[in-house]
Amino acid sequence: MIFLSQINGCSEFLKNGSGTYDYNPWLKANLVENGWIFEIHFDNGNKYIFNSEKKISSLQDKYENELTFAYSWTLLSQVTDTLWRNYSYQYGNNDKINLIEDFAWNSVTFEYFDGVSWSGTLWDLKQVTLNYGNETKTTQYTYTTWWDNTSNHNLVKLIDSKWQTY
């Protein structure tokens, strides 16, 4: 089994003759298979649990603090922290994320270009809006748009919530 991590890159757990997996000294971890569920047990006490689709379903530390992950079809729909606070994720066209909302109703909204304009092309990120309590901040993005598609999607301008241009 291959485990991909932003921290450790690609690591492999090799199945041995007894049907279990060999210890991975690079990760300092064991892989345990429980039916269709896989668990990685790290020497430091952390544990990663993967569901039957091999998507992360739980992260636990040695103190049993836990993050749980729920999916709608193939997309992440909710994360619940150890205090049972929920963070929800919603998607729009082409499975692009369009809303992240926390337990206190703070949110981040993502808007994408829905066609070709002078500022961007289809599916380019148009703006991000942060709603935190009574405060709203929006950042807008502008990209190169060439009709031959060879230079599309290059970010050329960013306008922040104070109308400063970068």
Foldseek 3Di string as FASTA:
>chain_A
DWDADPVQGIDDWDQDPVRATDQGPSQQWGWDDDPLKIKIQHPQQWIWIAGNVRHTAWIAGNVGWMWGWDDDVPHTAWIATSVRKIWGWDADPPRHTAWIATSVRWIKGWDADCADDQFAGHGATAKIWTGDPPDIKMKGWGWHDDPVPPGGDHTDWIQIRVRDID
